[in-house]
Amino acid sequence: MGSEGSGGESSAPRDEQLIFMSDASAEAERLMSALRSRGYNVVEVPLALLVGRVSVQKPALILCDVDAAPALDQVRRLREVPGGGQVDIVFFGQPSRSLDELRDDVFHESSGFFVRPVDTFGLLRKVEALIGPPSEPDPSRRAGTGPSSRPPA
């Protein structure tokens, strides 16, 4: 089960449902909460630690604040990590700086761009289009939120 043996030089397997959030803005918590409520596994990873983290744990997707000064440099370094070129990246940013000054770099390095404030529903659709629906929906969204009646495995 899964997509093992996909080739590549990755030292760690890609987690098909793992999302790294590298965004220090106040908006990040709202976006992470929305993704988690849909059942995605979202981990906050500071921009300074992103390359190191990707070298040992491959996410399916990185959500990144492009307005942070070293963001594009970090993404370029990330692409050099074995398997880093296979990770989808979606940037968030202010329209003036991101689109005017960084247009070519942003669009070359990413799978998407959202202008702040980020449209949560649009982001959820983009995430699902890139990495698929969550493998296990959040159990709190189902009727009868008690413990599972399935026997332990």
C-alpha atoms as a PDB file:
ATOM      1  CA  MET A   1       0.000   0.000   0.000  1.00  0.00           C
ATOM      2  CA  GLY A   2       1.404   3.459  -0.799  1.00  0.00           C
ATOM      3  CA  SER A   3       3.779   4.623  -3.456  1.00  0.00           C
ATOM      4  CA  GLU A   4       7.041   3.078  -2.442  1.00  0.00           C
ATOM      5  CA  GLY A   5       9.821   2.594  -4.917  1.00  0.00           C
ATOM      6  CA  SER A   6       9.227   5.931  -6.592  1.00  0.00           C
ATOM      7  CA  GLY A   7      12.917   6.223  -7.308  1.00  0.00           C
ATOM      8  CA  GLY A   8      14.695   9.441  -6.511  1.00  0.00           C
ATOM      9  CA  GLU A   9      17.582   9.971  -4.183  1.00  0.00           C
ATOM     10  CA  SER A  10      15.565  10.667  -1.081  1.00  0.00           C
ATOM     11  CA  SER A  11      17.219   9.574   2.143  1.00  0.00           C
ATOM     12  CA  ALA A  12      13.810   9.541   3.851  1.00  0.00           C
ATOM     13  CA  PRO A  13      10.473   8.464   2.406  1.00  0.00           C
ATOM     14  CA  ARG A  14       7.993  11.194   1.548  1.00  0.00           C
ATOM     15  CA  ASP A  15       5.010  11.306   3.881  1.00  0.00           C
ATOM     16  CA  GLU A  16       2.127  11.677   1.432  1.00  0.00           C
ATOM     17  CA  GLN A  17      -0.066  13.550   3.934  1.00  0.00           C
ATOM     18  CA  LEU A  18       2.476  15.593   5.917  1.00  0.00           C
ATOM     19  CA  ILE A  19       2.411  19.373   5.539  1.00  0.00           C
ATOM     20  CA  PHE A  20       5.084  21.711   6.901  1.00  0.00           C
ATOM     21  CA  MET A  21       3.937  25.248   7.739  1.00  0.00           C
ATOM     22  CA  SER A  22       6.794  27.734   7.612  1.00  0.00           C
ATOM     23  CA  ASP A  23       4.983  30.973   8.322  1.00  0.00           C
ATOM     24  CA  ALA A  24       5.459  33.167  11.394  1.00  0.00           C
ATOM     25  CA  SER A  25       2.442  35.363  10.633  1.00  0.00           C
ATOM     26  CA  ALA A  26      -0.635  35.593  12.831  1.00  0.00           C
ATOM     27  CA  GLU A  27      -2.596  34.005   9.998  1.00  0.00           C
ATOM     28  CA  ALA A  28      -0.652  30.723  10.161  1.00  0.00           C
ATOM     29  CA  GLU A  29      -2.505  29.382  13.204  1.00  0.00           C
ATOM     30  CA  ARG A  30      -5.885  29.855  11.501  1.00  0.00           C
ATOM     31  CA  LEU A  31      -4.673  28.065   8.367  1.00  0.00           C
ATOM     32  CA  MET A  32      -3.114  25.184  10.321  1.00  0.00           C
ATOM     33  CA  SER A  33      -6.330  24.778  12.302  1.00  0.00           C
ATOM     34  CA  ALA A  34      -8.406  24.623   9.109  1.00  0.00           C
ATOM     35  CA  LEU A  35      -6.093  22.011   7.572  1.00  0.00           C
ATOM     36  CA  ARG A  36      -6.029  19.917  10.744  1.00  0.00           C
ATOM     37  CA  SER A  37      -9.822  20.031  11.021  1.00  0.00           C
ATOM     38  CA  ARG A  38      -9.929  18.451   7.558  1.00  0.00           C
ATOM     39  CA  GLY A  39      -7.629  15.670   8.747  1.00  0.00           C
ATOM     40  CA  TYR A  40      -4.243  16.795   7.418  1.00  0.00           C
ATOM     41  CA  ASN A  41      -1.115  16.356   9.520  1.00  0.00           C
ATOM     42  CA  VAL A  42       0.367  19.866   9.763  1.00  0.00           C
ATOM     43  CA  VAL A  43       3.652  20.593  11.543  1.00  0.00           C
ATOM     44  CA  GLU A  44       5.006  24.075  12.177  1.00  0.00           C
ATOM     45  CA  VAL A  45       8.634  24.295  11.019  1.00  0.00           C
ATOM     46  CA  PRO A  46      10.486  27.612  11.379  1.00  0.00           C
ATOM     47  CA  LEU A  47      12.049  28.824   8.137  1.00  0.00           C
ATOM     48  CA  ALA A  48      15.573  28.613   9.579  1.00  0.00           C
ATOM     49  CA  LEU A  49      15.076  24.888  10.281  1.00  0.00           C
ATOM     50  CA  LEU A  50      13.242  23.979   7.085  1.00  0.00           C
ATOM     51  CA  VAL A  51      16.154  22.577   5.050  1.00  0.00           C
ATOM     52  CA  GLY A  52      17.438  20.471   7.936  1.00  0.00           C
ATOM     53  CA  ARG A  53      13.988  19.104   8.681  1.00  0.00           C
ATOM     54  CA  VAL A  54      13.311  18.200   5.041  1.00  0.00           C
ATOM     55  CA  SER A  55      16.631  16.346   4.898  1.00  0.00           C
ATOM     56  CA  VAL A  56      15.335  13.880   7.510  1.00  0.00           C
ATOM     57  CA  GLN A  57      11.561  14.004   6.984  1.00  0.00           C
ATOM     58  CA  LYS A  58      10.002  14.625   3.563  1.00  0.00           C
ATOM     59  CA  PRO A  59       6.625  16.335   3.625  1.00  0.00           C
ATOM     60  CA  ALA A  60       4.191  16.181   0.739  1.00  0.00           C
ATOM     61  CA  LEU A  61       3.745  19.951   0.882  1.00  0.00           C
ATOM     62  CA  ILE A  62       5.322  23.057   2.388  1.00  0.00           C
ATOM     63  CA  LEU A  63       3.302  26.206   3.022  1.00  0.00           C
ATOM     64  CA  CYS A  64       5.716  29.129   3.227  1.00  0.00           C
ATOM     65  CA  ASP A  65       5.688  32.883   3.833  1.00  0.00           C
ATOM     66  CA  VAL A  66       7.518  34.289   0.803  1.00  0.00           C
ATOM     67  CA  ASP A  67       7.756  37.721   2.450  1.00  0.00           C
ATOM     68  CA  ALA A  68      10.204  36.382   5.043  1.00  0.00           C
ATOM     69  CA  ALA A  69      13.595  37.666   3.895  1.00  0.00           C
ATOM     70  CA  PRO A  70      15.413  34.323   3.429  1.00  0.00           C
ATOM     71  CA  ALA A  71      12.412  32.345   2.139  1.00  0.00           C
ATOM     72  CA  LEU A  72      13.471  31.966  -1.490  1.00  0.00           C
ATOM     73  CA  ASP A  73      17.080  31.218  -0.522  1.00  0.00           C
ATOM     74  CA  GLN A  74      15.874  28.503   1.849  1.00  0.00           C
ATOM     75  CA  VAL A  75      13.643  27.021  -0.844  1.00  0.00           C
ATOM     76  CA  ARG A  76      16.551  26.936  -3.311  1.00  0.00           C
ATOM     77  CA  ARG A  77      18.679  25.151  -0.688  1.00  0.00           C
ATOM     78  CA  LEU A  78      15.790  22.779   0.013  1.00  0.00           C
ATOM     79  CA  ARG A  79      15.673  21.834  -3.677  1.00  0.00           C
ATOM     80  CA  GLU A  80      19.292  20.636  -3.380  1.00  0.00           C
ATOM     81  CA  VAL A  81      18.454  18.195  -0.575  1.00  0.00           C
ATOM     82  CA  PRO A  82      17.915  14.647  -1.890  1.00  0.00           C
ATOM     83  CA  GLY A  83      14.196  14.389  -2.634  1.00  0.00           C
ATOM     84  CA  GLY A  84      13.668  18.122  -2.045  1.00  0.00           C
ATOM     85  CA  GLY A  85      12.742  18.713  -5.649  1.00  0.00           C
ATOM     86  CA  GLN A  86       9.709  16.441  -5.229  1.00  0.00           C
ATOM     87  CA  VAL A  87       8.135  18.532  -2.454  1.00  0.00           C
ATOM     88  CA  ASP A  88       5.319  20.863  -3.501  1.00  0.00           C
ATOM     89  CA  ILE A  89       5.542  24.404  -2.120  1.00  0.00           C
ATOM     90  CA  VAL A  90       2.754  26.942  -1.830  1.00  0.00           C
ATOM     91  CA  PHE A  91       3.715  30.507  -0.966  1.00  0.00           C
ATOM     92  CA  PHE A  92       1.736  33.174   0.882  1.00  0.00           C
ATOM     93  CA  GLY A  93       2.589  36.844   0.583  1.00  0.00           C
ATOM     94  CA  GLN A  94       1.616  40.467   0.319  1.00  0.00           C
ATOM     95  CA  PRO A  95       0.659  41.327  -3.260  1.00  0.00           C
ATOM     96  CA  SER A  96       2.921  44.341  -3.724  1.00  0.00           C
ATOM     97  CA  ARG A  97       6.299  42.820  -2.821  1.00  0.00           C
ATOM     98  CA  SER A  98       5.662  39.225  -3.786  1.00  0.00           C
ATOM     99  CA  LEU A  99       4.131  39.783  -7.169  1.00  0.00           C
ATOM    100  CA  ASP A 100       6.060  42.815  -8.317  1.00  0.00           C
ATOM    101  CA  GLU A 101       9.590  42.117  -7.087  1.00  0.00           C
ATOM    102  CA  LEU A 102       9.682  38.337  -6.934  1.00  0.00           C
ATOM    103  CA  ARG A 103       7.305  37.214  -9.672  1.00  0.00           C
ATOM    104  CA  ASP A 104       9.655  34.945 -11.643  1.00  0.00           C
ATOM    105  CA  ASP A 105      11.275  33.362  -8.584  1.00  0.00           C
ATOM    106  CA  VAL A 106       7.979  32.771  -6.795  1.00  0.00           C
ATOM    107  CA  PHE A 107       6.282  31.151  -9.748  1.00  0.00           C
ATOM    108  CA  HIS A 108       9.356  29.101 -10.725  1.00  0.00           C
ATOM    109  CA  GLU A 109       9.830  27.631  -7.244  1.00  0.00           C
ATOM    110  CA  SER A 110       6.216  27.022  -6.249  1.00  0.00           C
ATOM    111  CA  SER A 111       3.092  25.029  -6.956  1.00  0.00           C
ATOM    112  CA  GLY A 112       0.914  27.954  -5.981  1.00  0.00           C
ATOM    113  CA  PHE A 113       0.695  31.430  -4.498  1.00  0.00           C
ATOM    114  CA  PHE A 114      -1.927  32.989  -2.228  1.00  0.00           C
ATOM    115  CA  VAL A 115      -2.206  36.708  -1.564  1.00  0.00           C
ATOM    116  CA  ARG A 116      -2.794  37.640   2.074  1.00  0.00           C
ATOM    117  CA  PRO A 117      -5.237  37.398   3.670  1.00  0.00           C
ATOM    118  CA  VAL A 118      -5.311  33.801   2.493  1.00  0.00           C
ATOM    119  CA  ASP A 119      -8.655  32.423   1.332  1.00  0.00           C
ATOM    120  CA  THR A 120      -8.971  29.374   3.585  1.00  0.00           C
ATOM    121  CA  PHE A 121     -11.401  27.512   1.327  1.00  0.00           C
ATOM    122  CA  GLY A 122      -9.193  28.175  -1.699  1.00  0.00           C
ATOM    123  CA  LEU A 123      -6.157  26.893   0.196  1.00  0.00           C
ATOM    124  CA  LEU A 124      -7.994  23.723   1.240  1.00  0.00           C
ATOM    125  CA  ARG A 125      -8.935  23.046  -2.392  1.00  0.00           C
ATOM    126  CA  LYS A 126      -5.338  23.677  -3.536  1.00  0.00           C
ATOM    127  CA  VAL A 127      -3.916  21.348  -0.881  1.00  0.00           C
ATOM    128  CA  GLU A 128      -6.332  18.592  -1.874  1.00  0.00           C
ATOM    129  CA  ALA A 129      -5.481  19.092  -5.556  1.00  0.00           C
ATOM    130  CA  LEU A 130      -1.744  18.801  -4.820  1.00  0.00           C
ATOM    131  CA  ILE A 131      -1.586  15.983  -2.273  1.00  0.00           C
ATOM    132  CA  GLY A 132      -5.058  14.464  -2.300  1.00  0.00           C
ATOM    133  CA  PRO A 133      -7.680  14.244   0.398  1.00  0.00           C
ATOM    134  CA  PRO A 134      -6.566  13.419   3.928  1.00  0.00           C
ATOM    135  CA  SER A 135      -6.170   9.689   4.484  1.00  0.00           C
ATOM    136  CA  GLU A 136      -8.198   9.723   7.678  1.00  0.00           C
ATOM    137  CA  PRO A 137     -10.805  12.414   8.218  1.00  0.00           C
ATOM    138  CA  ASP A 138     -10.785  14.151  11.582  1.00  0.00           C
ATOM    139  CA  PRO A 139     -12.910  11.942  13.870  1.00  0.00           C
ATOM    140  CA  SER A 140     -14.349  14.994  15.646  1.00  0.00           C
ATOM    141  CA  ARG A 141     -16.235  15.861  12.451  1.00  0.00           C
ATOM    142  CA  ARG A 142     -18.223  12.603  12.514  1.00  0.00           C
ATOM    143  CA  ALA A 143     -21.453  12.050  14.378  1.00  0.00           C
ATOM    144  CA  GLY A 144     -20.891  10.265  17.679  1.00  0.00           C
ATOM    145  CA  THR A 145     -17.448  11.508  18.580  1.00  0.00           C
ATOM    146  CA  GLY A 146     -16.800   8.860  21.210  1.00  0.00           C
ATOM    147  CA  PRO A 147     -13.930   6.393  21.048  1.00  0.00           C
ATOM    148  CA  SER A 148     -13.767   4.003  18.138  1.00  0.00           C
ATOM    149  CA  SER A 149     -15.666   0.763  18.508  1.00  0.00           C
ATOM    150  CA  ARG A 150     -13.094  -1.057  16.406  1.00  0.00           C
ATOM    151  CA  PRO A 151     -10.922  -3.518  18.304  1.00  0.00           C
ATOM    152  CA  PRO A 152      -7.276  -2.471  18.638  1.00  0.00           C
ATOM    153  CA  ALA A 153      -5.016  -3.743  15.867  1.00  0.00           C
END
